[in-house]
C-alpha atoms as a PDB file:
ATOM      1  CA  MET A   1      13.210 -19.552   0.880  1.00  0.00           C
ATOM      2  CA  GLU A   2      10.415 -16.166   0.596  1.00  0.00           C
ATOM      3  CA  ALA A   3      10.525 -13.583   3.111  1.00  0.00           C
ATOM      4  CA  VAL A   4       6.923 -13.988   4.057  1.00  0.00           C
ATOM      5  CA  GLU A   5       4.434 -16.936   3.022  1.00  0.00           C
ATOM      6  CA  SER A   6       0.875 -17.733   3.919  1.00  0.00           C
ATOM      7  CA  LYS A   7      -0.632 -20.880   3.230  1.00  0.00           C
ATOM      8  CA  ASP A   8      -4.659 -20.780   3.291  1.00  0.00           C
ATOM      9  CA  LEU A   9      -4.730 -18.568   5.950  1.00  0.00           C
ATOM     10  CA  VAL A  10      -8.031 -18.054   7.827  1.00  0.00           C
ATOM     11  CA  LYS A  11      -9.318 -15.849  10.327  1.00  0.00           C
ATOM     12  CA  ILE A  12     -12.805 -15.913  11.928  1.00  0.00           C
ATOM     13  CA  TYR A  13     -13.760 -13.368  14.554  1.00  0.00           C
ATOM     14  CA  SER A  14     -16.240 -14.591  17.004  1.00  0.00           C
ATOM     15  CA  GLY A  15     -18.797 -12.620  18.528  1.00  0.00           C
ATOM     16  CA  LYS A  16     -22.225 -11.593  18.168  1.00  0.00           C
ATOM     17  CA  GLU A  17     -22.056 -11.500  14.504  1.00  0.00           C
ATOM     18  CA  LYS A  18     -19.434 -13.876  12.898  1.00  0.00           C
ATOM     19  CA  VAL A  19     -16.645 -12.305  10.962  1.00  0.00           C
ATOM     20  CA  GLU A  20     -14.920 -13.908   8.419  1.00  0.00           C
ATOM     21  CA  ALA A  21     -11.849 -11.606   8.085  1.00  0.00           C
ATOM     22  CA  LEU A  22      -9.505 -14.296   6.175  1.00  0.00           C
ATOM     23  CA  ARG A  23     -11.118 -16.736   3.840  1.00  0.00           C
ATOM     24  CA  GLY A  24      -7.905 -18.599   2.765  1.00  0.00           C
ATOM     25  CA  ILE A  25      -5.387 -16.144   1.842  1.00  0.00           C
ATOM     26  CA  SER A  26      -2.381 -17.771   0.012  1.00  0.00           C
ATOM     27  CA  LEU A  27       0.657 -15.573  -0.706  1.00  0.00           C
ATOM     28  CA  SER A  28       4.257 -15.351  -1.351  1.00  0.00           C
ATOM     29  CA  ILE A  29       6.466 -12.469  -0.890  1.00  0.00           C
ATOM     30  CA  ARG A  30       9.856 -12.394  -2.146  1.00  0.00           C
ATOM     31  CA  LYS A  31      12.996 -11.192  -0.319  1.00  0.00           C
ATOM     32  CA  GLY A  32      14.181  -7.819  -1.513  1.00  0.00           C
ATOM     33  CA  GLU A  33      11.118  -6.756  -2.794  1.00  0.00           C
ATOM     34  CA  LEU A  34       8.274  -4.175  -1.818  1.00  0.00           C
ATOM     35  CA  PHE A  35       5.119  -6.082  -2.039  1.00  0.00           C
ATOM     36  CA  THR A  36       1.602  -3.944  -1.439  1.00  0.00           C
ATOM     37  CA  LEU A  37      -1.931  -5.121  -0.072  1.00  0.00           C
ATOM     38  CA  LEU A  38      -4.514  -3.311  -1.557  1.00  0.00           C
ATOM     39  CA  GLY A  39      -8.244  -3.564  -0.668  1.00  0.00           C
ATOM     40  CA  PRO A  40     -11.521  -1.814   0.442  1.00  0.00           C
ATOM     41  CA  ASN A  41     -12.203  -1.259   3.909  1.00  0.00           C
ATOM     42  CA  GLY A  42     -12.659  -4.554   5.820  1.00  0.00           C
ATOM     43  CA  ALA A  43     -10.998  -6.256   2.842  1.00  0.00           C
ATOM     44  CA  GLY A  44      -8.658  -8.352   5.686  1.00  0.00           C
ATOM     45  CA  LYS A  45      -5.255  -6.255   5.073  1.00  0.00           C
ATOM     46  CA  THR A  46      -4.624  -5.335   8.288  1.00  0.00           C
ATOM     47  CA  THR A  47      -5.665  -8.770   9.908  1.00  0.00           C
ATOM     48  CA  PHE A  48      -2.941 -10.300   7.194  1.00  0.00           C
ATOM     49  CA  GLN A  49      -0.231  -8.071   8.217  1.00  0.00           C
ATOM     50  CA  ARG A  50      -1.313  -8.744  12.273  1.00  0.00           C
ATOM     51  CA  ILE A  51      -1.069 -12.484  11.847  1.00  0.00           C
ATOM     52  CA  VAL A  52       2.185 -12.675   9.905  1.00  0.00           C
ATOM     53  CA  SER A  53       3.872  -9.972  12.760  1.00  0.00           C
ATOM     54  CA  THR A  54       2.695 -12.149  15.304  1.00  0.00           C
ATOM     55  CA  GLN A  55       0.067  -9.827  16.904  1.00  0.00           C
ATOM     56  CA  LEU A  56      -2.684 -12.182  15.758  1.00  0.00           C
ATOM     57  CA  LEU A  57      -3.306 -15.843  15.861  1.00  0.00           C
ATOM     58  CA  PRO A  58      -5.036 -17.402  12.845  1.00  0.00           C
ATOM     59  CA  THR A  59      -7.991 -19.524  12.943  1.00  0.00           C
ATOM     60  CA  SER A  60      -6.377 -21.935  10.567  1.00  0.00           C
ATOM     61  CA  GLY A  61      -3.638 -22.067   7.873  1.00  0.00           C
ATOM     62  CA  GLU A  62      -0.009 -21.431   8.182  1.00  0.00           C
ATOM     63  CA  ALA A  63       2.385 -18.421   8.103  1.00  0.00           C
ATOM     64  CA  TYR A  64       6.160 -18.239   7.738  1.00  0.00           C
ATOM     65  CA  VAL A  65       8.849 -15.361   7.905  1.00  0.00           C
ATOM     66  CA  LEU A  66      12.249 -16.289   6.514  1.00  0.00           C
ATOM     67  CA  GLY A  67      10.989 -20.143   7.314  1.00  0.00           C
ATOM     68  CA  ASP A  68      10.076 -19.240  11.074  1.00  0.00           C
ATOM     69  CA  ASN A  69       6.366 -20.206  11.756  1.00  0.00           C
ATOM     70  CA  VAL A  70       4.726 -17.257  13.252  1.00  0.00           C
ATOM     71  CA  ILE A  71       2.841 -19.377  15.367  1.00  0.00           C
ATOM     72  CA  THR A  72       5.088 -21.358  16.932  1.00  0.00           C
ATOM     73  CA  GLN A  73       8.314 -19.243  16.749  1.00  0.00           C
ATOM     74  CA  PRO A  74       7.090 -15.992  17.480  1.00  0.00           C
ATOM     75  CA  GLU A  75      10.039 -14.975  19.298  1.00  0.00           C
ATOM     76  CA  GLU A  76      12.121 -15.752  15.954  1.00  0.00           C
ATOM     77  CA  VAL A  77      10.097 -13.978  13.811  1.00  0.00           C
ATOM     78  CA  ARG A  78      10.031 -11.002  15.953  1.00  0.00           C
ATOM     79  CA  LYS A  79      14.097 -10.333  15.422  1.00  0.00           C
ATOM     80  CA  HIS A  80      13.909  -9.893  11.904  1.00  0.00           C
ATOM     81  CA  MET A  81      10.971  -7.570  11.716  1.00  0.00           C
ATOM     82  CA  ALA A  82       9.933  -3.875  12.229  1.00  0.00           C
ATOM     83  CA  VAL A  83       6.245  -3.064  12.224  1.00  0.00           C
ATOM     84  CA  VAL A  84       4.527   0.327  11.711  1.00  0.00           C
ATOM     85  CA  PRO A  85       0.713   0.039  12.760  1.00  0.00           C
ATOM     86  CA  GLN A  86      -1.801   1.982  11.106  1.00  0.00           C
ATOM     87  CA  ASP A  87      -3.210   3.358  14.610  1.00  0.00           C
ATOM     88  CA  ILE A  88       0.148   3.970  16.440  1.00  0.00           C
ATOM     89  CA  ARG A  89       0.762   7.213  18.405  1.00  0.00           C
ATOM     90  CA  THR A  90       3.916   8.775  19.547  1.00  0.00           C
ATOM     91  CA  TYR A  91       4.522   9.758  23.410  1.00  0.00           C
ATOM     92  CA  ASP A  92       4.302  13.360  23.765  1.00  0.00           C
ATOM     93  CA  ASN A  93       7.414  13.689  25.822  1.00  0.00           C
ATOM     94  CA  PHE A  94       9.829  11.863  23.439  1.00  0.00           C
ATOM     95  CA  THR A  95      11.484  13.055  20.607  1.00  0.00           C
ATOM     96  CA  PRO A  96      12.256  11.606  17.290  1.00  0.00           C
ATOM     97  CA  TRP A  97      15.717  11.311  17.826  1.00  0.00           C
ATOM     98  CA  GLU A  98      14.865   9.101  20.931  1.00  0.00           C
ATOM     99  CA  TYR A  99      12.402   6.917  19.060  1.00  0.00           C
ATOM    100  CA  ALA A 100      14.732   6.291  16.036  1.00  0.00           C
ATOM    101  CA  TYR A 101      17.875   5.660  18.812  1.00  0.00           C
ATOM    102  CA  TYR A 102      16.341   3.697  21.312  1.00  0.00           C
ATOM    103  CA  PHE A 103      14.108   1.721  18.551  1.00  0.00           C
ATOM    104  CA  ALA A 104      17.577   0.655  16.886  1.00  0.00           C
ATOM    105  CA  GLU A 105      19.189  -0.178  20.203  1.00  0.00           C
ATOM    106  CA  LEU A 106      15.918  -2.355  21.017  1.00  0.00           C
ATOM    107  CA  HIS A 107      17.052  -4.509  17.771  1.00  0.00           C
ATOM    108  CA  GLY A 108      20.373  -5.287  19.284  1.00  0.00           C
ATOM    109  CA  LEU A 109      22.323  -2.795  17.256  1.00  0.00           C
ATOM    110  CA  SER A 110      25.417  -1.086  19.316  1.00  0.00           C
ATOM    111  CA  LYS A 111      25.471   2.425  20.183  1.00  0.00           C
ATOM    112  CA  SER A 112      27.442   3.735  17.473  1.00  0.00           C
ATOM    113  CA  LYS A 113      25.383   1.718  14.962  1.00  0.00           C
ATOM    114  CA  ALA A 114      22.115   2.854  16.375  1.00  0.00           C
ATOM    115  CA  LYS A 115      23.163   6.760  16.252  1.00  0.00           C
ATOM    116  CA  GLU A 116      23.902   6.306  12.555  1.00  0.00           C
ATOM    117  CA  ASN A 117      21.006   4.400  11.881  1.00  0.00           C
ATOM    118  CA  ALA A 118      18.949   6.932  13.288  1.00  0.00           C
ATOM    119  CA  GLU A 119      20.391   9.933  11.798  1.00  0.00           C
ATOM    120  CA  GLU A 120      19.841   8.158   8.432  1.00  0.00           C
ATOM    121  CA  ALA A 121      16.368   7.613   9.007  1.00  0.00           C
ATOM    122  CA  LEU A 122      15.546  10.832  10.593  1.00  0.00           C
ATOM    123  CA  LYS A 123      17.268  12.718   7.571  1.00  0.00           C
ATOM    124  CA  ALA A 124      15.432  10.219   5.197  1.00  0.00           C
ATOM    125  CA  VAL A 125      12.031  11.125   6.152  1.00  0.00           C
ATOM    126  CA  ASP A 126      13.113  14.790   6.605  1.00  0.00           C
ATOM    127  CA  LEU A 127      13.172  15.195  10.116  1.00  0.00           C
ATOM    128  CA  TRP A 128      16.445  15.754  10.955  1.00  0.00           C
ATOM    129  CA  ASN A 129      15.930  19.412  11.963  1.00  0.00           C
ATOM    130  CA  LEU A 130      13.472  18.531  14.450  1.00  0.00           C
ATOM    131  CA  LYS A 131      15.283  15.556  15.928  1.00  0.00           C
ATOM    132  CA  ASN A 132      15.252  16.909  19.417  1.00  0.00           C
ATOM    133  CA  ARG A 133      11.554  18.573  19.596  1.00  0.00           C
ATOM    134  CA  ILE A 134       9.489  16.485  21.930  1.00  0.00           C
ATOM    135  CA  CYS A 135       6.672  14.805  19.672  1.00  0.00           C
ATOM    136  CA  GLY A 136       3.898  16.819  21.719  1.00  0.00           C
ATOM    137  CA  SER A 137       5.031  19.834  19.688  1.00  0.00           C
ATOM    138  CA  LEU A 138       4.870  18.274  16.375  1.00  0.00           C
ATOM    139  CA  SER A 139       2.480  18.239  13.599  1.00  0.00           C
ATOM    140  CA  GLY A 140       0.548  14.997  12.988  1.00  0.00           C
ATOM    141  CA  GLY A 141       2.130  14.176   9.792  1.00  0.00           C
ATOM    142  CA  GLU A 142       6.019  14.958  11.795  1.00  0.00           C
ATOM    143  CA  ARG A 143       4.796  12.374  14.454  1.00  0.00           C
ATOM    144  CA  ARG A 144       3.779   9.675  11.551  1.00  0.00           C
ATOM    145  CA  ARG A 145       7.233  10.347  10.308  1.00  0.00           C
ATOM    146  CA  ALA A 146       8.807   9.770  13.491  1.00  0.00           C
ATOM    147  CA  ILE A 147       7.438   6.462  14.030  1.00  0.00           C
ATOM    148  CA  ILE A 148       8.298   5.574  10.254  1.00  0.00           C
ATOM    149  CA  ALA A 149      12.008   6.673  11.142  1.00  0.00           C
ATOM    150  CA  SER A 150      12.151   4.519  14.310  1.00  0.00           C
ATOM    151  CA  ALA A 151      11.358   1.305  12.082  1.00  0.00           C
ATOM    152  CA  LEU A 152      13.851   2.436   9.250  1.00  0.00           C
ATOM    153  CA  SER A 153      16.403   2.593  12.073  1.00  0.00           C
ATOM    154  CA  SER A 154      16.186  -0.629  13.196  1.00  0.00           C
ATOM    155  CA  ASP A 155      18.193  -2.472  10.437  1.00  0.00           C
ATOM    156  CA  ALA A 156      15.347  -5.052  10.161  1.00  0.00           C
ATOM    157  CA  ASP A 157      15.065  -7.515   7.448  1.00  0.00           C
ATOM    158  CA  ILE A 158      11.336  -7.164   6.606  1.00  0.00           C
ATOM    159  CA  PHE A 159       8.983  -3.801   7.628  1.00  0.00           C
ATOM    160  CA  ILE A 160       5.389  -4.371   7.762  1.00  0.00           C
ATOM    161  CA  LEU A 161       3.705  -1.048   7.316  1.00  0.00           C
ATOM    162  CA  ASP A 162       0.052  -0.391   7.442  1.00  0.00           C
ATOM    163  CA  GLU A 163      -0.759   2.908   5.787  1.00  0.00           C
ATOM    164  CA  PRO A 164       2.411   4.647   6.840  1.00  0.00           C
ATOM    165  CA  THR A 165       1.906   7.639   4.943  1.00  0.00           C
ATOM    166  CA  SER A 166      -1.668   8.389   5.871  1.00  0.00           C
ATOM    167  CA  GLY A 167      -1.792  11.988   6.954  1.00  0.00           C
ATOM    168  CA  LEU A 168       1.336  12.952   5.094  1.00  0.00           C
ATOM    169  CA  ASP A 169       1.256  15.943   2.706  1.00  0.00           C
ATOM    170  CA  ALA A 170       2.555  15.488  -0.999  1.00  0.00           C
ATOM    171  CA  VAL A 171       6.342  16.430   0.078  1.00  0.00           C
ATOM    172  CA  ALA A 172       6.339  14.371   3.318  1.00  0.00           C
ATOM    173  CA  ARG A 173       5.076  11.213   1.245  1.00  0.00           C
ATOM    174  CA  ARG A 174       7.995  11.263  -1.672  1.00  0.00           C
ATOM    175  CA  HIS A 175      10.432  11.589   0.912  1.00  0.00           C
ATOM    176  CA  THR A 176       9.020   8.227   2.570  1.00  0.00           C
ATOM    177  CA  TRP A 177       8.757   6.784  -0.867  1.00  0.00           C
ATOM    178  CA  ARG A 178      12.310   7.570  -1.314  1.00  0.00           C
ATOM    179  CA  ALA A 179      13.357   5.981   2.033  1.00  0.00           C
ATOM    180  CA  LEU A 180      11.500   3.008   1.402  1.00  0.00           C
ATOM    181  CA  THR A 181      13.022   2.339  -2.297  1.00  0.00           C
ATOM    182  CA  ARG A 182      16.227   2.694  -0.752  1.00  0.00           C
ATOM    183  CA  ILE A 183      15.804   0.314   2.067  1.00  0.00           C
ATOM    184  CA  VAL A 184      14.580  -2.168  -0.615  1.00  0.00           C
ATOM    185  CA  ASN A 185      17.453  -1.775  -3.193  1.00  0.00           C
ATOM    186  CA  GLU A 186      19.570  -2.708  -0.232  1.00  0.00           C
ATOM    187  CA  GLY A 187      17.538  -5.765   0.095  1.00  0.00           C
ATOM    188  CA  LYS A 188      15.304  -5.094   2.573  1.00  0.00           C
ATOM    189  CA  THR A 189      11.754  -6.754   2.016  1.00  0.00           C
ATOM    190  CA  ILE A 190       8.505  -4.265   2.623  1.00  0.00           C
ATOM    191  CA  LEU A 191       4.960  -5.301   2.944  1.00  0.00           C
ATOM    192  CA  LEU A 192       2.927  -2.400   2.603  1.00  0.00           C
ATOM    193  CA  THR A 193      -0.738  -1.742   2.782  1.00  0.00           C
ATOM    194  CA  THR A 194      -2.030   1.662   1.650  1.00  0.00           C
ATOM    195  CA  HIS A 195      -5.201   3.164   0.285  1.00  0.00           C
ATOM    196  CA  ILE A 196      -3.100   5.919  -2.181  1.00  0.00           C
ATOM    197  CA  MET A 197      -3.110   4.163  -5.761  1.00  0.00           C
ATOM    198  CA  GLU A 198      -0.253   6.738  -6.642  1.00  0.00           C
ATOM    199  CA  GLU A 199       1.613   5.290  -3.847  1.00  0.00           C
ATOM    200  CA  ALA A 200       1.245   1.456  -5.046  1.00  0.00           C
ATOM    201  CA  GLU A 201       1.843   2.664  -8.253  1.00  0.00           C
ATOM    202  CA  MET A 202       4.931   4.517  -7.767  1.00  0.00           C
ATOM    203  CA  VAL A 203       6.792   1.937  -5.530  1.00  0.00           C
ATOM    204  CA  SER A 204       5.627  -1.653  -5.419  1.00  0.00           C
ATOM    205  CA  ASP A 205       7.497  -4.600  -7.042  1.00  0.00           C
ATOM    206  CA  ARG A 206       4.263  -6.749  -6.890  1.00  0.00           C
ATOM    207  CA  LEU A 207       0.666  -6.329  -5.668  1.00  0.00           C
ATOM    208  CA  ALA A 208      -1.710  -8.141  -4.162  1.00  0.00           C
ATOM    209  CA  ILE A 209      -5.727  -7.009  -4.318  1.00  0.00           C
ATOM    210  CA  ILE A 210      -8.038  -8.754  -1.744  1.00  0.00           C
ATOM    211  CA  ASN A 211     -11.656  -8.436  -1.126  1.00  0.00           C
ATOM    212  CA  LYS A 212     -13.639  -9.906   1.566  1.00  0.00           C
ATOM    213  CA  GLY A 213     -10.902 -11.792   2.816  1.00  0.00           C
ATOM    214  CA  ARG A 214      -9.885 -13.413  -0.704  1.00  0.00           C
ATOM    215  CA  VAL A 215      -7.368 -12.783  -3.157  1.00  0.00           C
ATOM    216  CA  VAL A 216      -8.756 -11.141  -6.222  1.00  0.00           C
ATOM    217  CA  THR A 217      -5.251 -10.956  -8.279  1.00  0.00           C
ATOM    218  CA  GLU A 218      -1.659 -10.529  -7.692  1.00  0.00           C
ATOM    219  CA  GLY A 219       1.213  -9.837  -9.850  1.00  0.00           C
ATOM    220  CA  THR A 220       3.452  -7.125 -11.216  1.00  0.00           C
ATOM    221  CA  LEU A 221       1.638  -3.428 -11.940  1.00  0.00           C
ATOM    222  CA  GLU A 222       1.487  -4.486 -15.489  1.00  0.00           C
ATOM    223  CA  ASP A 223      -0.067  -7.828 -14.948  1.00  0.00           C
ATOM    224  CA  ILE A 224      -2.728  -6.024 -12.989  1.00  0.00           C
ATOM    225  CA  LYS A 225      -3.226  -3.858 -15.700  1.00  0.00           C
ATOM    226  CA  ASN A 226      -3.596  -6.309 -18.166  1.00  0.00           C
ATOM    227  CA  LEU A 227      -6.535  -7.865 -16.754  1.00  0.00           C
ATOM    228  CA  SER A 228      -8.525  -4.779 -18.360  1.00  0.00           C
ATOM    229  CA  ASP A 229      -9.551  -5.263 -21.651  1.00  0.00           C
ATOM    230  CA  ASP A 230      -9.760  -1.318 -21.861  1.00  0.00           C
ATOM    231  CA  LYS A 231      -6.296   0.453 -22.378  1.00  0.00           C
ATOM    232  CA  PHE A 232      -7.081   3.809 -22.279  1.00  0.00           C
ATOM    233  CA  ARG A 233      -9.370   6.111 -20.601  1.00  0.00           C
ATOM    234  CA  VAL A 234     -10.973  10.004 -21.869  1.00  0.00           C
ATOM    235  CA  ILE A 235     -11.777  12.373 -19.517  1.00  0.00           C
ATOM    236  CA  ILE A 236     -14.008  15.066 -20.958  1.00  0.00           C
ATOM    237  CA  GLU A 237     -14.959  18.082 -18.988  1.00  0.00           C
ATOM    238  CA  GLY A 238     -18.041  20.058 -20.139  1.00  0.00           C
ATOM    239  CA  ASP A 239     -21.231  19.200 -21.235  1.00  0.00           C
ATOM    240  CA  ILE A 240     -21.259  15.843 -22.885  1.00  0.00           C
ATOM    241  CA  ASP A 241     -24.348  16.284 -24.289  1.00  0.00           C
ATOM    242  CA  LYS A 242     -22.474  18.223 -27.256  1.00  0.00           C
ATOM    243  CA  LEU A 243     -21.038  14.964 -28.427  1.00  0.00           C
ATOM    244  CA  GLY A 244     -24.134  13.231 -28.917  1.00  0.00           C
ATOM    245  CA  PHE A 245     -22.919   9.982 -29.623  1.00  0.00           C
ATOM    246  CA  LEU A 246     -21.416   9.234 -26.387  1.00  0.00           C
ATOM    247  CA  GLY A 247     -24.794   9.616 -24.591  1.00  0.00           C
ATOM    248  CA  LYS A 248     -25.702   6.020 -25.153  1.00  0.00           C
ATOM    249  CA  ARG A 249     -21.892   4.777 -24.812  1.00  0.00           C
ATOM    250  CA  ASP A 250     -21.974   2.044 -22.086  1.00  0.00           C
ATOM    251  CA  GLY A 251     -19.446   2.694 -19.210  1.00  0.00           C
ATOM    252  CA  LEU A 252     -19.641   6.268 -19.254  1.00  0.00           C
ATOM    253  CA  ILE A 253     -19.127   7.500 -15.775  1.00  0.00           C
ATOM    254  CA  GLN A 254     -20.314  11.119 -14.764  1.00  0.00           C
ATOM    255  CA  TYR A 255     -18.191  12.967 -11.716  1.00  0.00           C
ATOM    256  CA  GLY A 256     -19.536  16.440 -11.539  1.00  0.00           C
ATOM    257  CA  SER A 257     -18.807  18.315 -14.553  1.00  0.00           C
ATOM    258  CA  LYS A 258     -15.817  15.515 -15.690  1.00  0.00           C
ATOM    259  CA  ASN A 259     -17.002  12.491 -17.713  1.00  0.00           C
ATOM    260  CA  ILE A 260     -14.656   9.223 -18.087  1.00  0.00           C
ATOM    261  CA  MET A 261     -14.762   6.849 -20.568  1.00  0.00           C
ATOM    262  CA  TYR A 262     -12.533   3.355 -21.109  1.00  0.00           C
ATOM    263  CA  LEU A 263     -11.521   2.331 -24.644  1.00  0.00           C
ATOM    264  CA  LYS A 264      -9.420  -0.501 -25.991  1.00  0.00           C
ATOM    265  CA  ASN A 265      -6.973   1.139 -28.142  1.00  0.00           C
ATOM    266  CA  GLU A 266      -5.092   5.055 -28.189  1.00  0.00           C
ATOM    267  CA  ASP A 267      -6.419   5.770 -31.690  1.00  0.00           C
ATOM    268  CA  GLU A 268     -10.150   5.758 -30.900  1.00  0.00           C
ATOM    269  CA  ALA A 269      -9.094   7.496 -27.462  1.00  0.00           C
ATOM    270  CA  LEU A 270      -7.537  10.354 -29.462  1.00  0.00           C
ATOM    271  CA  GLU A 271     -10.264  10.453 -32.171  1.00  0.00           C
ATOM    272  CA  ILE A 272     -12.773  11.006 -29.118  1.00  0.00           C
ATOM    273  CA  VAL A 273     -10.478  13.687 -27.907  1.00  0.00           C
ATOM    274  CA  LYS A 274     -10.312  15.391 -31.160  1.00  0.00           C
ATOM    275  CA  LYS A 275     -13.932  15.595 -31.442  1.00  0.00           C
ATOM    276  CA  ALA A 276     -14.439  16.890 -27.847  1.00  0.00           C
ATOM    277  CA  LEU A 277     -11.967  19.567 -28.458  1.00  0.00           C
ATOM    278  CA  GLY A 278     -13.834  20.702 -31.588  1.00  0.00           C
ATOM    279  CA  LYS A 279     -16.759  21.152 -29.563  1.00  0.00           C
ATOM    280  CA  GLY A 280     -15.304  23.385 -27.102  1.00  0.00           C
ATOM    281  CA  LEU A 281     -14.835  21.059 -24.428  1.00  0.00           C
ATOM    282  CA  LYS A 282     -12.080  20.248 -22.671  1.00  0.00           C
ATOM    283  CA  ALA A 283     -10.471  16.725 -23.087  1.00  0.00           C
ATOM    284  CA  GLU A 284      -7.086  14.564 -22.312  1.00  0.00           C
ATOM    285  CA  ALA A 285      -6.761  10.808 -22.793  1.00  0.00           C
ATOM    286  CA  ALA A 286      -4.087   8.586 -20.760  1.00  0.00           C
ATOM    287  CA  PRO A 287      -3.617   5.147 -20.097  1.00  0.00           C
ATOM    288  CA  ILE A 288      -5.621   3.406 -17.648  1.00  0.00           C
ATOM    289  CA  THR A 289      -4.442   3.580 -14.048  1.00  0.00           C
ATOM    290  CA  LEU A 290      -4.051   1.127 -11.297  1.00  0.00           C
ATOM    291  CA  GLU A 291      -7.186   2.721  -9.499  1.00  0.00           C
ATOM    292  CA  ASP A 292      -9.181   2.144 -12.503  1.00  0.00           C
ATOM    293  CA  VAL A 293      -8.474  -1.471 -12.602  1.00  0.00           C
ATOM    294  CA  PHE A 294      -8.745  -1.565  -8.621  1.00  0.00           C
ATOM    295  CA  VAL A 295     -12.208   0.193  -8.920  1.00  0.00           C
ATOM    296  CA  LYS A 296     -13.659  -2.305 -11.388  1.00  0.00           C
ATOM    297  CA  LEU A 297     -12.108  -5.424  -9.716  1.00  0.00           C
ATOM    298  CA  VAL A 298     -13.634  -4.991  -6.262  1.00  0.00           C
ATOM    299  CA  GLY A 299     -16.821  -2.630  -7.308  1.00  0.00           C
ATOM    300  CA  GLY A 300     -18.819  -5.770  -7.386  1.00  0.00           C
ATOM    301  CA  GLU A 301     -18.771  -9.680  -7.050  1.00  0.00           C
ATOM    302  CA  THR A 302     -15.788 -10.935  -8.640  1.00  0.00           C
ATOM    303  CA  ASP A 303     -13.143 -13.804  -8.791  1.00  0.00           C
ATOM    304  CA  GLU A 304      -9.679 -14.367  -9.934  1.00  0.00           C
ATOM    305  CA  ASN A 305     -10.422 -15.347 -13.286  1.00  0.00           C
ATOM    306  CA  GLN A 306     -12.590 -12.479 -14.221  1.00  0.00           C
ATOM    307  CA  ASN A 307     -11.672 -10.195 -17.099  1.00  0.00           C
ATOM    308  CA  PHE A 308     -13.374  -6.683 -17.990  1.00  0.00           C
END
């Protein structure tokens, strides 16, 4: 039995203009994994999460959470889940402790277990020292961490997290990543959406990229990187005209004073770096990133079988 499974999931928003948010999404998310949904704005990520968490009905198709149907068994589905929506806000007069403790109690935990989980969750997101401050006096990032702690304290089987680290600084993000990794190691399942490619690359067991309501590709990080024929990239900073032979190269991308080119093998990448350094330019070579593949996949019309 999968933790989350969807079959040909379709969602059409009707109105002045019909919007096909999901166009037949079929995904299987295994128990005990952190599965990340990636896609540009409007790809359908949040719609998918809202359907599997019983907040929204699909137009057609099916979805299951631990075998329970999200349409016909919503109460059973909700017992398994903790959800952190992207746009959730805290109440100003609640403290982080109250959020974590009461949310655990709402999930049926005993008072002693709720206290234990609340403490662990607040420490995991580095908020223990602020546990009794009202949220109205906290920063936006601290409020966000209070919401994450409330979900972590629930002891749910499945966590649905929509951009959970949005607005957090680098230190807070890393505390959150460690907390998410820990609960997955304990056998929990996380369905995550994020726009932070470093985050997806660091924490994901498997990923799916969706675009315009369709799955473009899914698999492990290596599976997705292997879609690219190019395996390395070179970044050169400075006057690229000093390397005249590069000026006519296809796929040369310019970002201000920096130029990026993609190459099929490491030897070729290192040779270009050597020549650039010899001309007094700054240059470095590295393997391609998830972001490189993502941009190529969703930068134009693509399908699941396209290589580039």
